């Protein structure tokens, strides 16, 4: 799992991570409470956790997409940000990716 671009909003990153980790935690809890010896070598549900992270991200009001590059040093918007400027106030919060493999090929799954 990675981000395709920088994500300036720490709360957006956190929303995705919480959804992802909640799903992993539930899977681990479920394996521990299963009767008999739980298979500790079973794969974690990474793809399901990725989808849960995506859903949490969107449920908390964040939008996937590639952000505009920030203004260069010395730009007047550093002193006086413009609310209508996509570089000052991005309307998207980054693009999360899951890289996995299928029969020897890399598969790229985008959030959103």
Protein backbone atom coordinates (compact mmCIF):
# COMPACT_ATOMS: atom_id res chain seq x y z
CA UNK A 1 0.00 0.00 0.00
CA UNK A 2 1.32 3.42 -0.90
CA UNK A 3 0.20 6.88 -1.95
CA UNK A 4 0.64 7.90 -5.59
CA UNK A 5 1.40 11.46 -4.55
CA UNK A 6 1.97 13.51 -1.46
CA UNK A 7 -0.92 13.81 0.95
CA UNK A 8 -0.74 17.05 2.90
CA UNK A 9 -3.75 16.34 5.08
CA UNK A 10 -2.66 14.11 7.98
CA UNK A 11 -6.30 13.49 8.93
CA UNK A 12 -7.00 12.11 5.44
CA UNK A 13 -4.08 9.68 5.77
CA UNK A 14 -5.29 8.77 9.24
CA UNK A 15 -8.86 8.06 8.05
CA UNK A 16 -7.56 5.54 5.51
CA UNK A 17 -5.18 3.94 8.02
CA UNK A 18 -7.90 3.56 10.66
CA UNK A 19 -10.25 1.80 8.26
CA UNK A 20 -7.45 -0.46 7.05
CA UNK A 21 -6.16 -1.34 10.52
CA UNK A 22 -9.65 -1.87 11.97
CA UNK A 23 -10.26 -4.54 9.32
CA UNK A 24 -6.90 -6.22 10.01
CA UNK A 25 -7.59 -6.10 13.76
CA UNK A 26 -10.99 -7.73 13.29
CA UNK A 27 -9.42 -10.50 11.21
CA UNK A 28 -6.76 -11.16 13.85
CA UNK A 29 -9.34 -11.10 16.65
CA UNK A 30 -11.56 -13.48 14.72
CA UNK A 31 -8.65 -15.89 14.14
CA UNK A 32 -7.76 -15.86 17.85
CA UNK A 33 -11.32 -16.55 18.96
CA UNK A 34 -11.85 -19.39 16.46
CA UNK A 35 -12.24 -22.80 18.04
CA UNK A 36 -9.18 -25.07 17.99
CA UNK A 37 -5.82 -23.99 16.66
CA UNK A 38 -6.21 -20.93 14.49
CA UNK A 39 -3.99 -21.04 11.42
CA UNK A 40 -1.42 -18.36 12.26
CA UNK A 41 0.06 -18.69 8.78
CA UNK A 42 -3.18 -17.68 7.05
CA UNK A 43 -2.92 -14.58 4.90
CA UNK A 44 -4.26 -11.37 6.31
CA UNK A 45 -7.19 -9.91 4.33
CA UNK A 46 -5.13 -7.11 2.81
CA UNK A 47 -7.45 -6.44 -0.12
CA UNK A 48 -10.52 -6.33 2.16
CA UNK A 49 -8.62 -4.06 4.55
CA UNK A 50 -7.66 -1.80 1.62
CA UNK A 51 -11.34 -1.53 0.63
CA UNK A 52 -12.27 -0.78 4.26
CA UNK A 53 -9.64 1.98 4.33
CA UNK A 54 -11.03 3.44 1.11
CA UNK A 55 -14.57 3.40 2.51
CA UNK A 56 -13.50 5.07 5.78
CA UNK A 57 -11.58 7.73 3.81
CA UNK A 58 -14.68 8.55 1.75
CA UNK A 59 -17.10 8.27 4.69
CA UNK A 60 -15.13 10.95 6.53
CA UNK A 61 -15.58 13.32 3.58
CA UNK A 62 -12.21 12.98 1.87
CA UNK A 63 -11.90 12.72 -1.92
CA UNK A 64 -9.37 10.73 -3.90
CA UNK A 65 -7.37 12.47 -6.60
CA UNK A 66 -3.94 13.85 -7.42
CA UNK A 67 -3.24 17.13 -5.69
CA UNK A 68 -1.77 20.13 -7.49
CA UNK A 69 1.87 20.91 -6.73
CA UNK A 70 2.31 23.47 -3.96
CA UNK A 71 3.25 27.05 -4.75
CA UNK A 72 6.98 27.72 -5.05
CA UNK A 73 8.80 29.53 -2.25
CA UNK A 74 8.03 33.24 -2.17
CA UNK A 75 4.64 32.93 -3.88
CA UNK A 76 2.19 35.59 -2.58
CA UNK A 77 -0.33 32.92 -1.54
CA UNK A 78 2.06 31.74 1.20
CA UNK A 79 1.35 34.98 3.07
CA UNK A 80 -2.31 35.25 1.97
CA UNK A 81 -3.82 31.88 0.93
CA UNK A 82 -6.62 32.04 -1.62
CA UNK A 83 -9.56 29.75 -0.79
CA UNK A 84 -10.41 29.41 -4.50
CA UNK A 85 -6.88 28.23 -5.38
CA UNK A 86 -6.44 24.44 -5.71
CA UNK A 87 -2.81 24.80 -4.65
CA UNK A 88 -3.75 26.63 -1.44
CA UNK A 89 -6.78 24.52 -0.57
CA UNK A 90 -6.81 21.20 -2.47
CA UNK A 91 -10.24 19.77 -3.27
CA UNK A 92 -8.76 16.26 -3.31
CA UNK A 93 -6.71 14.49 -0.68
CA UNK A 94 -4.36 12.13 -2.53
CA UNK A 95 -4.53 8.79 -4.31
CA UNK A 96 -3.92 5.55 -2.40
CA UNK A 97 -2.71 2.44 -4.21
CA UNK A 98 -2.57 -1.24 -3.45
CA UNK A 99 0.12 -3.07 -5.36
CA UNK A 100 -0.36 -6.82 -5.46
CA UNK A 101 0.46 -9.64 -7.84
CA UNK A 102 -1.47 -12.07 -9.96
CA UNK A 103 0.29 -14.88 -11.80
CA UNK A 104 3.62 -13.05 -11.75
CA UNK A 105 2.25 -9.66 -12.82
CA UNK A 106 1.98 -6.54 -10.68
CA UNK A 107 -1.61 -5.41 -10.26
CA UNK A 108 -2.29 -1.78 -9.34
CA UNK A 109 -5.58 -1.13 -7.52
CA UNK A 110 -6.49 2.52 -6.94
CA UNK A 111 -8.64 3.70 -4.07
CA UNK A 112 -11.80 5.53 -4.93
